[in-house]
Amino acid sequence: MVLLNIWSVGHFLQWATVGRFLLDNWYIFLILSVGWECLELVLPYEFAQETWDNKISDVVVNCLGFYLGVSIRQHQSKEN
């Protein structure tokens, strides 16, 4: 399995949207992001079967997406 895949794009877009419109608290974001990756350890579905490297890269991609979303929110609030 590769570190980045189609799910990575989905993770990035999801967390960018959450950061832009719903949430700007990094603590809650990290709990949700890491919590989901932990939940995937016990889910019996094929999409949840990943290597540890891929799980770590998912969290990194999540952080990048969330950072982008929060940055856009802050930039637009400064303009108004």
PDB file of N, CA and C in Angstrom:
ATOM      1  N   MET A   1       0.849  -1.187   0.000  1.00  0.00           N
ATOM      2  CA  MET A   1       0.000   0.000   0.000  1.00  0.00           C
ATOM      3  C   MET A   1       0.892   1.248   0.000  1.00  0.00           C
ATOM      4  N   VAL A   2       0.472   2.246  -0.697  1.00  0.00           N
ATOM      5  CA  VAL A   2       1.223   3.493  -0.790  1.00  0.00           C
ATOM      6  C   VAL A   2       0.820   4.441   0.331  1.00  0.00           C
ATOM      7  N   LEU A   3       1.685   5.401   0.609  1.00  0.00           N
ATOM      8  CA  LEU A   3       1.398   6.344   1.694  1.00  0.00           C
ATOM      9  C   LEU A   3       0.228   7.262   1.379  1.00  0.00           C
ATOM     10  N   LEU A   4       0.135   7.697   0.135  1.00  0.00           N
ATOM     11  CA  LEU A   4      -0.952   8.582  -0.275  1.00  0.00           C
ATOM     12  C   LEU A   4      -1.792   7.867  -1.321  1.00  0.00           C
ATOM     13  N   ASN A   5      -3.103   7.959  -1.180  1.00  0.00           N
ATOM     14  CA  ASN A   5      -4.008   7.304  -2.117  1.00  0.00           C
ATOM     15  C   ASN A   5      -5.256   8.169  -2.282  1.00  0.00           C
ATOM     16  N   ILE A   6      -6.270   7.633  -2.923  1.00  0.00           N
ATOM     17  CA  ILE A   6      -7.489   8.412  -3.164  1.00  0.00           C
ATOM     18  C   ILE A   6      -8.158   8.809  -1.849  1.00  0.00           C
ATOM     19  N   TRP A   7      -8.019   7.972  -0.834  1.00  0.00           N
ATOM     20  CA  TRP A   7      -8.587   8.320   0.472  1.00  0.00           C
ATOM     21  C   TRP A   7      -7.898   9.555   1.054  1.00  0.00           C
ATOM     22  N   SER A   8      -6.619   9.744   0.726  1.00  0.00           N
ATOM     23  CA  SER A   8      -5.886  10.909   1.217  1.00  0.00           C
ATOM     24  C   SER A   8      -6.505  12.202   0.696  1.00  0.00           C
ATOM     25  N   VAL A   9      -6.924  12.187  -0.566  1.00  0.00           N
ATOM     26  CA  VAL A   9      -7.592  13.366  -1.145  1.00  0.00           C
ATOM     27  C   VAL A   9      -8.885  13.646  -0.383  1.00  0.00           C
ATOM     28  N   GLY A  10      -9.629  12.596  -0.106  1.00  0.00           N
ATOM     29  CA  GLY A  10     -10.870  12.748   0.654  1.00  0.00           C
ATOM     30  C   GLY A  10     -10.623  13.277   2.046  1.00  0.00           C
ATOM     31  N   HIS A  11      -9.586  12.760   2.717  1.00  0.00           N
ATOM     32  CA  HIS A  11      -9.237  13.248   4.053  1.00  0.00           C
ATOM     33  C   HIS A  11      -8.907  14.739   4.005  1.00  0.00           C
ATOM     34  N   PHE A  12      -8.081  15.111   3.036  1.00  0.00           N
ATOM     35  CA  PHE A  12      -7.664  16.514   2.912  1.00  0.00           C
ATOM     36  C   PHE A  12      -8.867  17.426   2.696  1.00  0.00           C
ATOM     37  N   LEU A  13      -9.714  17.080   1.741  1.00  0.00           N
ATOM     38  CA  LEU A  13     -10.877  17.918   1.435  1.00  0.00           C
ATOM     39  C   LEU A  13     -11.859  17.961   2.604  1.00  0.00           C
ATOM     40  N   GLN A  14     -12.053  16.832   3.248  1.00  0.00           N
ATOM     41  CA  GLN A  14     -12.963  16.786   4.399  1.00  0.00           C
ATOM     42  C   GLN A  14     -12.487  17.718   5.498  1.00  0.00           C
ATOM     43  N   TRP A  15     -11.227  17.612   5.883  1.00  0.00           N
ATOM     44  CA  TRP A  15     -10.743  18.419   6.996  1.00  0.00           C
ATOM     45  C   TRP A  15     -10.545  19.885   6.613  1.00  0.00           C
ATOM     46  N   ALA A  16     -10.269  20.171   5.350  1.00  0.00           N
ATOM     47  CA  ALA A  16     -10.213  21.564   4.906  1.00  0.00           C
ATOM     48  C   ALA A  16     -11.600  22.195   5.031  1.00  0.00           C
ATOM     49  N   THR A  17     -12.630  21.444   4.668  1.00  0.00           N
ATOM     50  CA  THR A  17     -14.006  21.935   4.787  1.00  0.00           C
ATOM     51  C   THR A  17     -14.396  22.123   6.247  1.00  0.00           C
ATOM     52  N   VAL A  18     -14.051  21.162   7.080  1.00  0.00           N
ATOM     53  CA  VAL A  18     -14.352  21.272   8.512  1.00  0.00           C
ATOM     54  C   VAL A  18     -13.641  22.482   9.099  1.00  0.00           C
ATOM     55  N   GLY A  19     -12.368  22.664   8.765  1.00  0.00           N
ATOM     56  CA  GLY A  19     -11.610  23.807   9.277  1.00  0.00           C
ATOM     57  C   GLY A  19     -12.144  25.136   8.774  1.00  0.00           C
ATOM     58  N   ARG A  20     -12.636  25.146   7.562  1.00  0.00           N
ATOM     59  CA  ARG A  20     -13.148  26.393   6.980  1.00  0.00           C
ATOM     60  C   ARG A  20     -14.505  26.782   7.545  1.00  0.00           C
ATOM     61  N   PHE A  21     -15.400  25.811   7.721  1.00  0.00           N
ATOM     62  CA  PHE A  21     -16.776  26.146   8.045  1.00  0.00           C
ATOM     63  C   PHE A  21     -17.254  25.727   9.437  1.00  0.00           C
ATOM     64  N   LEU A  22     -16.635  24.727  10.056  1.00  0.00           N
ATOM     65  CA  LEU A  22     -17.234  24.171  11.261  1.00  0.00           C
ATOM     66  C   LEU A  22     -16.418  24.314  12.537  1.00  0.00           C
ATOM     67  N   LEU A  23     -15.115  24.172  12.449  1.00  0.00           N
ATOM     68  CA  LEU A  23     -14.317  23.978  13.652  1.00  0.00           C
ATOM     69  C   LEU A  23     -12.974  24.664  13.498  1.00  0.00           C
ATOM     70  N   ASP A  24     -12.508  25.299  14.567  1.00  0.00           N
ATOM     71  CA  ASP A  24     -11.156  25.858  14.514  1.00  0.00           C
ATOM     72  C   ASP A  24     -10.328  25.478  15.737  1.00  0.00           C
ATOM     73  N   ASN A  25     -10.784  24.510  16.501  1.00  0.00           N
ATOM     74  CA  ASN A  25     -10.099  24.064  17.704  1.00  0.00           C
ATOM     75  C   ASN A  25      -9.197  22.872  17.369  1.00  0.00           C
ATOM     76  N   TRP A  26      -7.892  23.068  17.515  1.00  0.00           N
ATOM     77  CA  TRP A  26      -6.933  22.030  17.157  1.00  0.00           C
ATOM     78  C   TRP A  26      -7.031  20.821  18.065  1.00  0.00           C
ATOM     79  N   TYR A  27      -7.357  21.015  19.336  1.00  0.00           N
ATOM     80  CA  TYR A  27      -7.463  19.880  20.256  1.00  0.00           C
ATOM     81  C   TYR A  27      -8.603  18.943  19.844  1.00  0.00           C
ATOM     82  N   ILE A  28      -9.748  19.515  19.543  1.00  0.00           N
ATOM     83  CA  ILE A  28     -10.882  18.696  19.109  1.00  0.00           C
ATOM     84  C   ILE A  28     -10.563  18.026  17.777  1.00  0.00           C
ATOM     85  N   PHE A  29      -9.949  18.777  16.875  1.00  0.00           N
ATOM     86  CA  PHE A  29      -9.555  18.199  15.589  1.00  0.00           C
ATOM     87  C   PHE A  29      -8.655  16.986  15.778  1.00  0.00           C
ATOM     88  N   LEU A  30      -7.631  17.118  16.618  1.00  0.00           N
ATOM     89  CA  LEU A  30      -6.705  16.007  16.816  1.00  0.00           C
ATOM     90  C   LEU A  30      -7.387  14.801  17.451  1.00  0.00           C
ATOM     91  N   ILE A  31      -8.288  15.044  18.389  1.00  0.00           N
ATOM     92  CA  ILE A  31      -9.029  13.941  19.002  1.00  0.00           C
ATOM     93  C   ILE A  31      -9.852  13.216  17.938  1.00  0.00           C
ATOM     94  N   LEU A  32     -10.541  13.978  17.091  1.00  0.00           N
ATOM     95  CA  LEU A  32     -11.355  13.357  16.042  1.00  0.00           C
ATOM     96  C   LEU A  32     -10.496  12.641  15.001  1.00  0.00           C
ATOM     97  N   SER A  33      -9.425  13.272  14.586  1.00  0.00           N
ATOM     98  CA  SER A  33      -8.572  12.718  13.539  1.00  0.00           C
ATOM     99  C   SER A  33      -7.873  11.441  14.003  1.00  0.00           C
ATOM    100  N   VAL A  34      -7.211  11.513  15.134  1.00  0.00           N
ATOM    101  CA  VAL A  34      -6.504  10.340  15.651  1.00  0.00           C
ATOM    102  C   VAL A  34      -7.509   9.287  16.119  1.00  0.00           C
ATOM    103  N   GLY A  35      -8.617   9.740  16.681  1.00  0.00           N
ATOM    104  CA  GLY A  35      -9.658   8.817  17.119  1.00  0.00           C
ATOM    105  C   GLY A  35     -10.197   7.987  15.969  1.00  0.00           C
ATOM    106  N   TRP A  36     -10.396   8.610  14.828  1.00  0.00           N
ATOM    107  CA  TRP A  36     -10.885   7.864  13.658  1.00  0.00           C
ATOM    108  C   TRP A  36      -9.867   6.817  13.227  1.00  0.00           C
ATOM    109  N   GLU A  37      -8.603   7.189  13.205  1.00  0.00           N
ATOM    110  CA  GLU A  37      -7.570   6.234  12.806  1.00  0.00           C
ATOM    111  C   GLU A  37      -7.514   5.065  13.798  1.00  0.00           C
ATOM    112  N   CYS A  38      -7.732   5.329  15.066  1.00  0.00           N
ATOM    113  CA  CYS A  38      -7.778   4.246  16.062  1.00  0.00           C
ATOM    114  C   CYS A  38      -9.016   3.375  15.844  1.00  0.00           C
ATOM    115  N   LEU A  39     -10.140   3.999  15.538  1.00  0.00           N
ATOM    116  CA  LEU A  39     -11.357   3.239  15.271  1.00  0.00           C
ATOM    117  C   LEU A  39     -11.175   2.302  14.078  1.00  0.00           C
ATOM    118  N   GLU A  40     -10.440   2.758  13.080  1.00  0.00           N
ATOM    119  CA  GLU A  40     -10.189   1.920  11.907  1.00  0.00           C
ATOM    120  C   GLU A  40      -9.445   0.635  12.251  1.00  0.00           C
ATOM    121  N   LEU A  41      -8.753   0.604  13.368  1.00  0.00           N
ATOM    122  CA  LEU A  41      -8.034  -0.604  13.780  1.00  0.00           C
ATOM    123  C   LEU A  41      -8.986  -1.765  14.057  1.00  0.00           C
ATOM    124  N   VAL A  42     -10.219  -1.446  14.459  1.00  0.00           N
ATOM    125  CA  VAL A  42     -11.164  -2.510  14.809  1.00  0.00           C
ATOM    126  C   VAL A  42     -12.312  -2.651  13.810  1.00  0.00           C
ATOM    127  N   LEU A  43     -12.404  -1.767  12.842  1.00  0.00           N
ATOM    128  CA  LEU A  43     -13.463  -1.883  11.848  1.00  0.00           C
ATOM    129  C   LEU A  43     -13.184  -3.057  10.910  1.00  0.00           C
ATOM    130  N   PRO A  44     -14.200  -3.848  10.593  1.00  0.00           N
ATOM    131  CA  PRO A  44     -13.985  -5.031   9.757  1.00  0.00           C
ATOM    132  C   PRO A  44     -14.068  -4.769   8.254  1.00  0.00           C
ATOM    133  N   TYR A  45     -13.931  -3.528   7.824  1.00  0.00           N
ATOM    134  CA  TYR A  45     -14.090  -3.191   6.414  1.00  0.00           C
ATOM    135  C   TYR A  45     -12.730  -3.085   5.729  1.00  0.00           C
ATOM    136  N   GLU A  46     -12.738  -3.346   4.420  1.00  0.00           N
ATOM    137  CA  GLU A  46     -11.488  -3.352   3.662  1.00  0.00           C
ATOM    138  C   GLU A  46     -10.799  -1.989   3.659  1.00  0.00           C
ATOM    139  N   PHE A  47     -11.585  -0.890   3.581  1.00  0.00           N
ATOM    140  CA  PHE A  47     -10.964   0.437   3.541  1.00  0.00           C
ATOM    141  C   PHE A  47     -10.183   0.748   4.811  1.00  0.00           C
ATOM    142  N   ALA A  48     -10.514   0.072   5.914  1.00  0.00           N
ATOM    143  CA  ALA A  48      -9.861   0.342   7.192  1.00  0.00           C
ATOM    144  C   ALA A  48      -8.571  -0.456   7.366  1.00  0.00           C
ATOM    145  N   GLN A  49      -8.303  -1.390   6.479  1.00  0.00           N
ATOM    146  CA  GLN A  49      -7.105  -2.218   6.583  1.00  0.00           C
ATOM    147  C   GLN A  49      -5.935  -1.477   5.945  1.00  0.00           C
ATOM    148  N   GLU A  50      -5.132  -0.823   6.771  1.00  0.00           N
ATOM    149  CA  GLU A  50      -4.013  -0.016   6.295  1.00  0.00           C
ATOM    150  C   GLU A  50      -2.771  -0.331   7.110  1.00  0.00           C
ATOM    151  N   THR A  51      -1.634   0.043   6.551  1.00  0.00           N
ATOM    152  CA  THR A  51      -0.386  -0.074   7.303  1.00  0.00           C
ATOM    153  C   THR A  51      -0.278   1.103   8.266  1.00  0.00           C
ATOM    154  N   TRP A  52       0.607   0.969   9.228  1.00  0.00           N
ATOM    155  CA  TRP A  52       0.826   2.072  10.173  1.00  0.00           C
ATOM    156  C   TRP A  52       1.346   3.308   9.456  1.00  0.00           C
ATOM    157  N   ASP A  53       2.185   3.108   8.452  1.00  0.00           N
ATOM    158  CA  ASP A  53       2.698   4.248   7.679  1.00  0.00           C
ATOM    159  C   ASP A  53       1.558   5.026   7.040  1.00  0.00           C
ATOM    160  N   ASN A  54       0.577   4.295   6.507  1.00  0.00           N
ATOM    161  CA  ASN A  54      -0.548   4.960   5.877  1.00  0.00           C
ATOM    162  C   ASN A  54      -1.414   5.683   6.903  1.00  0.00           C
ATOM    163  N   LYS A  55      -1.593   5.105   8.074  1.00  0.00           N
ATOM    164  CA  LYS A  55      -2.371   5.760   9.127  1.00  0.00           C
ATOM    165  C   LYS A  55      -1.701   7.063   9.558  1.00  0.00           C
ATOM    166  N   ILE A  56      -0.385   7.026   9.685  1.00  0.00           N
ATOM    167  CA  ILE A  56       0.358   8.237  10.061  1.00  0.00           C
ATOM    168  C   ILE A  56       0.253   9.280   8.954  1.00  0.00           C
ATOM    169  N   SER A  57       0.376   8.851   7.705  1.00  0.00           N
ATOM    170  CA  SER A  57       0.258   9.809   6.599  1.00  0.00           C
ATOM    171  C   SER A  57      -1.151  10.387   6.536  1.00  0.00           C
ATOM    172  N   ASP A  58      -2.168   9.597   6.891  1.00  0.00           N
ATOM    173  CA  ASP A  58      -3.537  10.122   6.947  1.00  0.00           C
ATOM    174  C   ASP A  58      -3.639  11.264   7.950  1.00  0.00           C
ATOM    175  N   VAL A  59      -3.040  11.091   9.117  1.00  0.00           N
ATOM    176  CA  VAL A  59      -3.088  12.141  10.141  1.00  0.00           C
ATOM    177  C   VAL A  59      -2.342  13.384   9.658  1.00  0.00           C
ATOM    178  N   VAL A  60      -1.226  13.201   8.979  1.00  0.00           N
ATOM    179  CA  VAL A  60      -0.480  14.345   8.430  1.00  0.00           C
ATOM    180  C   VAL A  60      -1.328  15.076   7.386  1.00  0.00           C
ATOM    181  N   VAL A  61      -1.954  14.325   6.488  1.00  0.00           N
ATOM    182  CA  VAL A  61      -2.819  14.929   5.466  1.00  0.00           C
ATOM    183  C   VAL A  61      -3.997  15.632   6.132  1.00  0.00           C
ATOM    184  N   ASN A  62      -4.569  15.017   7.163  1.00  0.00           N
ATOM    185  CA  ASN A  62      -5.660  15.649   7.903  1.00  0.00           C
ATOM    186  C   ASN A  62      -5.213  16.995   8.467  1.00  0.00           C
ATOM    187  N   CYS A  63      -4.023  17.022   9.067  1.00  0.00           N
ATOM    188  CA  CYS A  63      -3.500  18.264   9.649  1.00  0.00           C
ATOM    189  C   CYS A  63      -3.309  19.339   8.581  1.00  0.00           C
ATOM    190  N   LEU A  64      -2.788  18.952   7.432  1.00  0.00           N
ATOM    191  CA  LEU A  64      -2.594  19.919   6.341  1.00  0.00           C
ATOM    192  C   LEU A  64      -3.932  20.475   5.856  1.00  0.00           C
ATOM    193  N   GLY A  65      -4.910  19.600   5.692  1.00  0.00           N
ATOM    194  CA  GLY A  65      -6.231  20.046   5.264  1.00  0.00           C
ATOM    195  C   GLY A  65      -6.874  20.962   6.285  1.00  0.00           C
ATOM    196  N   PHE A  66      -6.811  20.585   7.557  1.00  0.00           N
ATOM    197  CA  PHE A  66      -7.406  21.399   8.614  1.00  0.00           C
ATOM    198  C   PHE A  66      -6.704  22.749   8.700  1.00  0.00           C
ATOM    199  N   TYR A  67      -5.376  22.751   8.610  1.00  0.00           N
ATOM    200  CA  TYR A  67      -4.620  23.998   8.630  1.00  0.00           C
ATOM    201  C   TYR A  67      -5.051  24.919   7.496  1.00  0.00           C
ATOM    202  N   LEU A  68      -5.198  24.358   6.294  1.00  0.00           N
ATOM    203  CA  LEU A  68      -5.640  25.164   5.158  1.00  0.00           C
ATOM    204  C   LEU A  68      -7.028  25.752   5.414  1.00  0.00           C
ATOM    205  N   GLY A  69      -7.950  24.921   5.884  1.00  0.00           N
ATOM    206  CA  GLY A  69      -9.301  25.398   6.143  1.00  0.00           C
ATOM    207  C   GLY A  69      -9.349  26.499   7.187  1.00  0.00           C
ATOM    208  N   VAL A  70      -8.624  26.317   8.291  1.00  0.00           N
ATOM    209  CA  VAL A  70      -8.584  27.332   9.349  1.00  0.00           C
ATOM    210  C   VAL A  70      -7.908  28.601   8.835  1.00  0.00           C
ATOM    211  N   SER A  71      -6.850  28.443   8.037  1.00  0.00           N
ATOM    212  CA  SER A  71      -6.150  29.621   7.483  1.00  0.00           C
ATOM    213  C   SER A  71      -7.065  30.423   6.570  1.00  0.00           C
ATOM    214  N   ILE A  72      -7.839  29.741   5.748  1.00  0.00           N
ATOM    215  CA  ILE A  72      -8.783  30.439   4.868  1.00  0.00           C
ATOM    216  C   ILE A  72      -9.825  31.171   5.713  1.00  0.00           C
ATOM    217  N   ARG A  73     -10.331  30.514   6.755  1.00  0.00           N
ATOM    218  CA  ARG A  73     -11.327  31.144   7.639  1.00  0.00           C
ATOM    219  C   ARG A  73     -10.748  32.409   8.268  1.00  0.00           C
ATOM    220  N   GLN A  74      -9.534  32.320   8.803  1.00  0.00           N
ATOM    221  CA  GLN A  74      -8.916  33.472   9.466  1.00  0.00           C
ATOM    222  C   GLN A  74      -8.622  34.589   8.469  1.00  0.00           C
ATOM    223  N   HIS A  75      -8.163  34.232   7.295  1.00  0.00           N
ATOM    224  CA  HIS A  75      -7.865  35.240   6.275  1.00  0.00           C
ATOM    225  C   HIS A  75      -9.145  35.975   5.850  1.00  0.00           C
ATOM    226  N   GLN A  76     -10.229  35.243   5.663  1.00  0.00           N
ATOM    227  CA  GLN A  76     -11.472  35.876   5.245  1.00  0.00           C
ATOM    228  C   GLN A  76     -12.102  36.700   6.369  1.00  0.00           C
ATOM    229  N   SER A  77     -11.896  36.288   7.615  1.00  0.00           N
ATOM    230  CA  SER A  77     -12.462  37.077   8.714  1.00  0.00           C
ATOM    231  C   SER A  77     -11.688  38.385   8.883  1.00  0.00           C
ATOM    232  N   LYS A  78     -10.396  38.415   8.528  1.00  0.00           N
ATOM    233  CA  LYS A  78      -9.624  39.650   8.585  1.00  0.00           C
ATOM    234  C   LYS A  78     -10.054  40.633   7.509  1.00  0.00           C
ATOM    235  N   GLU A  79     -10.515  40.094   6.367  1.00  0.00           N
ATOM    236  CA  GLU A  79     -10.958  40.959   5.275  1.00  0.00           C
ATOM    237  C   GLU A  79     -12.283  41.649   5.583  1.00  0.00           C
ATOM    238  N   ASN A  80     -13.093  41.006   6.410  1.00  0.00           N
ATOM    239  CA  ASN A  80     -14.431  41.573   6.697  1.00  0.00           C
ATOM    240  C   ASN A  80     -14.397  42.513   7.822  1.00  0.00           C
TER     241      ASN A  80
END
